[in-house]
């Protein structure tokens, strides 16, 4: 490596918006992230729906809060009524 052309490499503490912190190395002095593996829905299994325009409420009002189990339960009697 050529001397004098590379940035300095610091040990920094990364801070997430959820409050999680961990140490890593970076060329920046401060690292602040909006989302990390502690709060990301893919890793936690929890889904946060951010809806500013009311789309989710309109959808649930129109179609109701249906689950897969409820839909299968509704479809099951129709399948058994068919002649054999």
PDB file of N, CA and C in Angstrom:
ATOM      1  N   UNK A   1       0.838  -1.185   0.000  1.00  0.00           N
ATOM      2  CA  UNK A   1       0.000   0.000   0.000  1.00  0.00           C
ATOM      3  C   UNK A   1       0.882   1.246   0.000  1.00  0.00           C
ATOM      4  N   UNK A   2       0.459   2.240  -0.731  1.00  0.00           N
ATOM      5  CA  UNK A   2       1.200   3.489  -0.763  1.00  0.00           C
ATOM      6  C   UNK A   2       0.934   4.261   0.511  1.00  0.00           C
ATOM      7  N   UNK A   3       1.960   4.823   1.103  1.00  0.00           N
ATOM      8  CA  UNK A   3       1.743   5.614   2.323  1.00  0.00           C
ATOM      9  C   UNK A   3       1.135   6.971   1.990  1.00  0.00           C
ATOM     10  N   UNK A   4       0.225   7.424   2.882  1.00  0.00           N
ATOM     11  CA  UNK A   4      -0.322   8.769   2.756  1.00  0.00           C
ATOM     12  C   UNK A   4      -1.575   8.899   1.912  1.00  0.00           C
ATOM     13  N   UNK A   5      -2.035   7.837   1.233  1.00  0.00           N
ATOM     14  CA  UNK A   5      -3.228   7.983   0.397  1.00  0.00           C
ATOM     15  C   UNK A   5      -4.456   7.297   0.992  1.00  0.00           C
ATOM     16  N   UNK A   6      -4.266   6.492   2.025  1.00  0.00           N
ATOM     17  CA  UNK A   6      -5.382   5.742   2.609  1.00  0.00           C
ATOM     18  C   UNK A   6      -5.937   6.481   3.824  1.00  0.00           C
ATOM     19  N   UNK A   7      -7.248   6.422   4.004  1.00  0.00           N
ATOM     20  CA  UNK A   7      -7.847   7.093   5.169  1.00  0.00           C
ATOM     21  C   UNK A   7      -7.500   6.353   6.461  1.00  0.00           C
ATOM     22  N   UNK A   8      -7.592   7.053   7.564  1.00  0.00           N
ATOM     23  CA  UNK A   8      -7.326   6.411   8.856  1.00  0.00           C
ATOM     24  C   UNK A   8      -8.490   5.505   9.220  1.00  0.00           C
ATOM     25  N   UNK A   9      -8.178   4.421   9.878  1.00  0.00           N
ATOM     26  CA  UNK A   9      -9.139   3.386  10.215  1.00  0.00           C
ATOM     27  C   UNK A   9      -9.335   3.411  11.720  1.00  0.00           C
ATOM     28  N   UNK A  10     -10.547   3.729  12.182  1.00  0.00           N
ATOM     29  CA  UNK A  10     -10.829   3.899  13.601  1.00  0.00           C
ATOM     30  C   UNK A  10     -11.681   2.757  14.128  1.00  0.00           C
ATOM     31  N   UNK A  11     -11.547   2.487  15.424  1.00  0.00           N
ATOM     32  CA  UNK A  11     -12.493   1.595  16.082  1.00  0.00           C
ATOM     33  C   UNK A  11     -13.635   2.473  16.588  1.00  0.00           C
ATOM     34  N   UNK A  12     -14.863   2.192  16.120  1.00  0.00           N
ATOM     35  CA  UNK A  12     -16.017   3.033  16.438  1.00  0.00           C
ATOM     36  C   UNK A  12     -17.135   2.202  17.052  1.00  0.00           C
ATOM     37  N   UNK A  13     -18.052   2.878  17.696  1.00  0.00           N
ATOM     38  CA  UNK A  13     -19.235   2.235  18.245  1.00  0.00           C
ATOM     39  C   UNK A  13     -20.424   2.609  17.368  1.00  0.00           C
ATOM     40  N   UNK A  14     -21.071   1.604  16.782  1.00  0.00           N
ATOM     41  CA  UNK A  14     -22.222   1.826  15.915  1.00  0.00           C
ATOM     42  C   UNK A  14     -23.459   1.930  16.795  1.00  0.00           C
ATOM     43  N   UNK A  15     -24.300   2.934  16.526  1.00  0.00           N
ATOM     44  CA  UNK A  15     -25.532   3.125  17.292  1.00  0.00           C
ATOM     45  C   UNK A  15     -26.718   3.037  16.348  1.00  0.00           C
ATOM     46  N   UNK A  16     -27.674   2.186  16.723  1.00  0.00           N
ATOM     47  CA  UNK A  16     -28.901   2.042  15.940  1.00  0.00           C
ATOM     48  C   UNK A  16     -29.989   2.910  16.555  1.00  0.00           C
ATOM     49  N   UNK A  17     -31.010   3.212  15.784  1.00  0.00           N
ATOM     50  CA  UNK A  17     -32.134   4.000  16.278  1.00  0.00           C
ATOM     51  C   UNK A  17     -32.904   3.261  17.371  1.00  0.00           C
ATOM     52  N   UNK A  18     -32.825   1.922  17.381  1.00  0.00           N
ATOM     53  CA  UNK A  18     -33.544   1.147  18.400  1.00  0.00           C
ATOM     54  C   UNK A  18     -32.793   1.108  19.723  1.00  0.00           C
ATOM     55  N   UNK A  19     -31.547   1.572  19.745  1.00  0.00           N
ATOM     56  CA  UNK A  19     -30.768   1.602  20.976  1.00  0.00           C
ATOM     57  C   UNK A  19     -29.646   0.583  21.024  1.00  0.00           C
ATOM     58  N   UNK A  20     -29.585  -0.313  20.068  1.00  0.00           N
ATOM     59  CA  UNK A  20     -28.528  -1.327  20.045  1.00  0.00           C
ATOM     60  C   UNK A  20     -27.196  -0.682  19.672  1.00  0.00           C
ATOM     61  N   UNK A  21     -26.125  -1.145  20.292  1.00  0.00           N
ATOM     62  CA  UNK A  21     -24.782  -0.650  19.971  1.00  0.00           C
ATOM     63  C   UNK A  21     -23.833  -1.826  19.849  1.00  0.00           C
ATOM     64  N   UNK A  22     -22.813  -1.663  19.025  1.00  0.00           N
ATOM     65  CA  UNK A  22     -21.753  -2.653  18.889  1.00  0.00           C
ATOM     66  C   UNK A  22     -20.518  -1.969  18.343  1.00  0.00           C
ATOM     67  N   UNK A  23     -19.385  -2.595  18.531  1.00  0.00           N
ATOM     68  CA  UNK A  23     -18.114  -2.008  18.084  1.00  0.00           C
ATOM     69  C   UNK A  23     -17.696  -2.631  16.764  1.00  0.00           C
ATOM     70  N   UNK A  24     -17.126  -1.786  15.918  1.00  0.00           N
ATOM     71  CA  UNK A  24     -16.576  -2.223  14.644  1.00  0.00           C
ATOM     72  C   UNK A  24     -15.475  -1.249  14.244  1.00  0.00           C
ATOM     73  N   UNK A  25     -14.921  -1.423  13.073  1.00  0.00           N
ATOM     74  CA  UNK A  25     -13.896  -0.513  12.580  1.00  0.00           C
ATOM     75  C   UNK A  25     -14.408   0.166  11.318  1.00  0.00           C
ATOM     76  N   UNK A  26     -14.079   1.460  11.183  1.00  0.00           N
ATOM     77  CA  UNK A  26     -14.568   2.227  10.051  1.00  0.00           C
ATOM     78  C   UNK A  26     -13.656   3.409   9.795  1.00  0.00           C
ATOM     79  N   UNK A  27     -13.801   4.002   8.622  1.00  0.00           N
ATOM     80  CA  UNK A  27     -13.060   5.217   8.304  1.00  0.00           C
ATOM     81  C   UNK A  27     -13.790   6.450   8.823  1.00  0.00           C
ATOM     82  N   UNK A  28     -15.037   6.295   9.245  1.00  0.00           N
ATOM     83  CA  UNK A  28     -15.795   7.405   9.829  1.00  0.00           C
ATOM     84  C   UNK A  28     -15.659   7.370  11.345  1.00  0.00           C
ATOM     85  N   UNK A  29     -15.777   8.521  11.972  1.00  0.00           N
ATOM     86  CA  UNK A  29     -15.649   8.609  13.421  1.00  0.00           C
ATOM     87  C   UNK A  29     -16.916   8.115  14.121  1.00  0.00           C
ATOM     88  N   UNK A  30     -18.094   8.478  13.592  1.00  0.00           N
ATOM     89  CA  UNK A  30     -19.376   8.112  14.188  1.00  0.00           C
ATOM     90  C   UNK A  30     -20.211   7.366  13.169  1.00  0.00           C
ATOM     91  N   UNK A  31     -20.849   6.288  13.610  1.00  0.00           N
ATOM     92  CA  UNK A  31     -21.773   5.558  12.751  1.00  0.00           C
ATOM     93  C   UNK A  31     -23.124   5.464  13.449  1.00  0.00           C
ATOM     94  N   UNK A  32     -24.150   5.998  12.801  1.00  0.00           N
ATOM     95  CA  UNK A  32     -25.520   5.931  13.291  1.00  0.00           C
ATOM     96  C   UNK A  32     -26.351   5.293  12.187  1.00  0.00           C
ATOM     97  N   UNK A  33     -27.068   4.206  12.508  1.00  0.00           N
ATOM     98  CA  UNK A  33     -27.885   3.526  11.513  1.00  0.00           C
ATOM     99  C   UNK A  33     -29.351   3.588  11.939  1.00  0.00           C
ATOM    100  N   UNK A  34     -30.249   3.505  10.957  1.00  0.00           N
ATOM    101  CA  UNK A  34     -31.682   3.558  11.227  1.00  0.00           C
ATOM    102  C   UNK A  34     -32.227   2.199  11.630  1.00  0.00           C
ATOM    103  N   UNK A  35     -31.668   1.138  11.074  1.00  0.00           N
ATOM    104  CA  UNK A  35     -32.197  -0.201  11.322  1.00  0.00           C
ATOM    105  C   UNK A  35     -31.039  -1.190  11.362  1.00  0.00           C
ATOM    106  N   UNK A  36     -31.154  -2.180  12.253  1.00  0.00           N
ATOM    107  CA  UNK A  36     -30.088  -3.176  12.395  1.00  0.00           C
ATOM    108  C   UNK A  36     -30.720  -4.560  12.507  1.00  0.00           C
ATOM    109  N   UNK A  37     -29.912  -5.573  12.726  1.00  0.00           N
ATOM    110  CA  UNK A  37     -30.437  -6.931  12.830  1.00  0.00           C
ATOM    111  C   UNK A  37     -31.253  -7.143  14.093  1.00  0.00           C
ATOM    112  N   UNK A  38     -31.136  -6.263  15.077  1.00  0.00           N
ATOM    113  CA  UNK A  38     -31.932  -6.381  16.298  1.00  0.00           C
ATOM    114  C   UNK A  38     -33.363  -5.888  16.105  1.00  0.00           C
ATOM    115  N   UNK A  39     -33.566  -4.986  15.153  1.00  0.00           N
ATOM    116  CA  UNK A  39     -34.903  -4.417  14.983  1.00  0.00           C
ATOM    117  C   UNK A  39     -35.479  -4.616  13.585  1.00  0.00           C
ATOM    118  N   UNK A  40     -34.754  -5.234  12.664  1.00  0.00           N
ATOM    119  CA  UNK A  40     -35.251  -5.436  11.307  1.00  0.00           C
ATOM    120  C   UNK A  40     -36.325  -6.522  11.298  1.00  0.00           C
ATOM    121  N   UNK A  41     -37.459  -6.306  10.623  1.00  0.00           N
ATOM    122  CA  UNK A  41     -38.541  -7.295  10.625  1.00  0.00           C
ATOM    123  C   UNK A  41     -38.130  -8.656  10.080  1.00  0.00           C
ATOM    124  N   UNK A  42     -37.202  -8.732   9.154  1.00  0.00           N
ATOM    125  CA  UNK A  42     -36.774 -10.012   8.611  1.00  0.00           C
ATOM    126  C   UNK A  42     -36.135 -10.877   9.684  1.00  0.00           C
ATOM    127  N   UNK A  43     -35.358 -10.269  10.567  1.00  0.00           N
ATOM    128  CA  UNK A  43     -34.664 -11.025  11.607  1.00  0.00           C
ATOM    129  C   UNK A  43     -35.515 -11.229  12.854  1.00  0.00           C
ATOM    130  N   UNK A  44     -36.409 -10.292  13.158  1.00  0.00           N
ATOM    131  CA  UNK A  44     -37.196 -10.396  14.384  1.00  0.00           C
ATOM    132  C   UNK A  44     -38.491 -11.158  14.185  1.00  0.00           C
ATOM    133  N   UNK A  45     -39.020 -11.192  12.967  1.00  0.00           N
ATOM    134  CA  UNK A  45     -40.285 -11.862  12.711  1.00  0.00           C
ATOM    135  C   UNK A  45     -41.488 -10.981  12.990  1.00  0.00           C
ATOM    136  N   UNK A  46     -41.272  -9.776  13.469  1.00  0.00           N
ATOM    137  CA  UNK A  46     -42.359  -8.823  13.722  1.00  0.00           C
ATOM    138  C   UNK A  46     -42.455  -7.870  12.549  1.00  0.00           C
ATOM    139  N   UNK A  47     -43.666  -7.571  12.147  1.00  0.00           N
ATOM    140  CA  UNK A  47     -43.868  -6.658  11.031  1.00  0.00           C
ATOM    141  C   UNK A  47     -44.411  -5.335  11.548  1.00  0.00           C
ATOM    142  N   UNK A  48     -43.715  -4.260  11.263  1.00  0.00           N
ATOM    143  CA  UNK A  48     -44.190  -2.925  11.593  1.00  0.00           C
ATOM    144  C   UNK A  48     -44.724  -2.311  10.309  1.00  0.00           C
ATOM    145  N   UNK A  49     -45.985  -1.946  10.295  1.00  0.00           N
ATOM    146  CA  UNK A  49     -46.569  -1.339   9.105  1.00  0.00           C
ATOM    147  C   UNK A  49     -46.625   0.171   9.324  1.00  0.00           C
ATOM    148  N   UNK A  50     -45.906   0.880   8.490  1.00  0.00           N
ATOM    149  CA  UNK A  50     -45.913   2.335   8.552  1.00  0.00           C
ATOM    150  C   UNK A  50     -46.879   2.805   7.469  1.00  0.00           C
ATOM    151  N   UNK A  51     -47.996   3.375   7.892  1.00  0.00           N
ATOM    152  CA  UNK A  51     -49.028   3.770   6.950  1.00  0.00           C
ATOM    153  C   UNK A  51     -49.469   5.193   7.261  1.00  0.00           C
ATOM    154  N   UNK A  52     -49.054   6.126   6.440  1.00  0.00           N
ATOM    155  CA  UNK A  52     -49.385   7.528   6.673  1.00  0.00           C
ATOM    156  C   UNK A  52     -50.668   7.939   5.967  1.00  0.00           C
ATOM    157  N   UNK A  53     -51.098   7.186   4.968  1.00  0.00           N
ATOM    158  CA  UNK A  53     -52.245   7.611   4.179  1.00  0.00           C
ATOM    159  C   UNK A  53     -53.494   6.790   4.446  1.00  0.00           C
ATOM    160  N   UNK A  54     -53.470   5.875   5.399  1.00  0.00           N
ATOM    161  CA  UNK A  54     -54.659   5.116   5.748  1.00  0.00           C
ATOM    162  C   UNK A  54     -54.982   3.967   4.816  1.00  0.00           C
ATOM    163  N   UNK A  55     -54.026   3.502   4.023  1.00  0.00           N
ATOM    164  CA  UNK A  55     -54.282   2.425   3.073  1.00  0.00           C
ATOM    165  C   UNK A  55     -54.600   1.110   3.774  1.00  0.00           C
ATOM    166  N   UNK A  56     -53.881   0.831   4.857  1.00  0.00           N
ATOM    167  CA  UNK A  56     -54.098  -0.424   5.576  1.00  0.00           C
ATOM    168  C   UNK A  56     -55.492  -0.436   6.194  1.00  0.00           C
ATOM    169  N   UNK A  57     -55.902   0.676   6.791  1.00  0.00           N
ATOM    170  CA  UNK A  57     -57.226   0.746   7.405  1.00  0.00           C
ATOM    171  C   UNK A  57     -58.327   0.588   6.357  1.00  0.00           C
ATOM    172  N   UNK A  58     -58.153   1.223   5.192  1.00  0.00           N
ATOM    173  CA  UNK A  58     -59.147   1.078   4.128  1.00  0.00           C
ATOM    174  C   UNK A  58     -59.238  -0.365   3.653  1.00  0.00           C
ATOM    175  N   UNK A  59     -58.088  -1.029   3.531  1.00  0.00           N
ATOM    176  CA  UNK A  59     -58.078  -2.413   3.080  1.00  0.00           C
ATOM    177  C   UNK A  59     -58.779  -3.317   4.091  1.00  0.00           C
ATOM    178  N   UNK A  60     -58.476  -3.155   5.386  1.00  0.00           N
ATOM    179  CA  UNK A  60     -59.105  -4.008   6.391  1.00  0.00           C
ATOM    180  C   UNK A  60     -60.596  -3.694   6.514  1.00  0.00           C
ATOM    181  N   UNK A  61     -60.998  -2.458   6.262  1.00  0.00           N
ATOM    182  CA  UNK A  61     -62.426  -2.126   6.300  1.00  0.00           C
ATOM    183  C   UNK A  61     -63.146  -2.777   5.125  1.00  0.00           C
ATOM    184  N   UNK A  62     -62.498  -2.790   3.964  1.00  0.00           N
ATOM    185  CA  UNK A  62     -63.127  -3.338   2.764  1.00  0.00           C
ATOM    186  C   UNK A  62     -63.169  -4.859   2.788  1.00  0.00           C
ATOM    187  N   UNK A  63     -62.056  -5.490   3.142  1.00  0.00           N
ATOM    188  CA  UNK A  63     -61.962  -6.945   3.077  1.00  0.00           C
ATOM    189  C   UNK A  63     -62.007  -7.620   4.441  1.00  0.00           C
ATOM    190  N   UNK A  64     -61.882  -6.865   5.503  1.00  0.00           N
ATOM    191  CA  UNK A  64     -61.864  -7.452   6.837  1.00  0.00           C
ATOM    192  C   UNK A  64     -60.491  -8.025   7.137  1.00  0.00           C
ATOM    193  N   UNK A  65     -60.272  -8.315   8.394  1.00  0.00           N
ATOM    194  CA  UNK A  65     -58.986  -8.883   8.804  1.00  0.00           C
ATOM    195  C   UNK A  65     -59.059 -10.391   8.627  1.00  0.00           C
ATOM    196  N   UNK A  66     -58.784 -10.856   7.422  1.00  0.00           N
ATOM    197  CA  UNK A  66     -58.852 -12.277   7.125  1.00  0.00           C
ATOM    198  C   UNK A  66     -57.509 -12.932   7.372  1.00  0.00           C
ATOM    199  N   UNK A  67     -57.554 -14.163   7.857  1.00  0.00           N
ATOM    200  CA  UNK A  67     -56.340 -14.946   7.993  1.00  0.00           C
ATOM    201  C   UNK A  67     -56.447 -16.142   7.065  1.00  0.00           C
ATOM    202  N   UNK A  68     -55.348 -16.816   6.861  1.00  0.00           N
ATOM    203  CA  UNK A  68     -55.338 -17.992   5.990  1.00  0.00           C
ATOM    204  C   UNK A  68     -56.228 -19.076   6.584  1.00  0.00           C
ATOM    205  N   UNK A  69     -56.197 -19.248   7.902  1.00  0.00           N
ATOM    206  CA  UNK A  69     -57.018 -20.264   8.555  1.00  0.00           C
ATOM    207  C   UNK A  69     -58.503 -19.981   8.353  1.00  0.00           C
ATOM    208  N   UNK A  70     -58.907 -18.715   8.434  1.00  0.00           N
ATOM    209  CA  UNK A  70     -60.310 -18.359   8.223  1.00  0.00           C
ATOM    210  C   UNK A  70     -60.724 -18.627   6.790  1.00  0.00           C
ATOM    211  N   UNK A  71     -59.873 -18.347   5.838  1.00  0.00           N
ATOM    212  CA  UNK A  71     -60.205 -18.575   4.433  1.00  0.00           C
ATOM    213  C   UNK A  71     -60.321 -20.059   4.139  1.00  0.00           C
ATOM    214  N   UNK A  72     -59.444 -20.886   4.725  1.00  0.00           N
ATOM    215  CA  UNK A  72     -59.528 -22.335   4.527  1.00  0.00           C
ATOM    216  C   UNK A  72     -60.795 -22.891   5.154  1.00  0.00           C
ATOM    217  N   UNK A  73     -61.175 -22.343   6.307  1.00  0.00           N
ATOM    218  CA  UNK A  73     -62.371 -22.793   6.992  1.00  0.00           C
ATOM    219  C   UNK A  73     -63.619 -22.487   6.170  1.00  0.00           C
ATOM    220  N   UNK A  74     -63.659 -21.317   5.525  1.00  0.00           N
ATOM    221  CA  UNK A  74     -64.784 -20.955   4.665  1.00  0.00           C
ATOM    222  C   UNK A  74     -64.827 -21.815   3.410  1.00  0.00           C
ATOM    223  N   UNK A  75     -63.684 -22.169   2.876  1.00  0.00           N
ATOM    224  CA  UNK A  75     -63.616 -22.943   1.646  1.00  0.00           C
ATOM    225  C   UNK A  75     -63.898 -24.427   1.890  1.00  0.00           C
ATOM    226  N   UNK A  76     -63.657 -24.929   3.072  1.00  0.00           N
ATOM    227  CA  UNK A  76     -63.808 -26.359   3.374  1.00  0.00           C
ATOM    228  C   UNK A  76     -65.246 -26.839   3.226  1.00  0.00           C
ATOM    229  N   UNK A  77     -66.293 -26.167   3.745  1.00  0.00           N
ATOM    230  CA  UNK A  77     -67.660 -26.655   3.570  1.00  0.00           C
ATOM    231  C   UNK A  77     -68.095 -26.683   2.098  1.00  0.00           C
ATOM    232  N   UNK A  78     -67.633 -25.752   1.306  1.00  0.00           N
ATOM    233  CA  UNK A  78     -67.994 -25.731  -0.107  1.00  0.00           C
ATOM    234  C   UNK A  78     -67.422 -26.946  -0.835  1.00  0.00           C
ATOM    235  N   UNK A  79     -66.271 -27.405  -0.442  1.00  0.00           N
ATOM    236  CA  UNK A  79     -65.634 -28.550  -1.075  1.00  0.00           C
ATOM    237  C   UNK A  79     -66.333 -29.845  -0.662  1.00  0.00           C
ATOM    238  N   UNK A  80     -66.878 -29.921   0.543  1.00  0.00           N
ATOM    239  CA  UNK A  80     -67.535 -31.153   1.004  1.00  0.00           C
ATOM    240  C   UNK A  80     -68.965 -31.246   0.495  1.00  0.00           C
ATOM    241  N   UNK A  81     -69.597 -30.143   0.049  1.00  0.00           N
ATOM    242  CA  UNK A  81     -70.958 -30.158  -0.454  1.00  0.00           C
ATOM    243  C   UNK A  81     -71.057 -30.702  -1.866  1.00  0.00           C
ATOM    244  N   UNK A  82     -69.960 -30.797  -2.565  1.00  0.00           N
ATOM    245  CA  UNK A  82     -69.965 -31.257  -3.949  1.00  0.00           C
ATOM    246  C   UNK A  82     -70.331 -32.740  -3.991  1.00  0.00           C
ATOM    247  N   UNK A  83     -71.136 -33.162  -4.997  1.00  0.00           N
ATOM    248  CA  UNK A  83     -71.512 -34.586  -5.112  1.00  0.00           C
ATOM    249  C   UNK A  83     -70.304 -35.443  -5.469  1.00  0.00           C
ATOM    250  N   UNK A  84     -70.309 -36.640  -4.972  1.00  0.00           N
ATOM    251  CA  UNK A  84     -69.183 -37.548  -5.212  1.00  0.00           C
ATOM    252  C   UNK A  84     -69.395 -38.392  -6.430  1.00  0.00           C
TER     253      UNK A  84
END
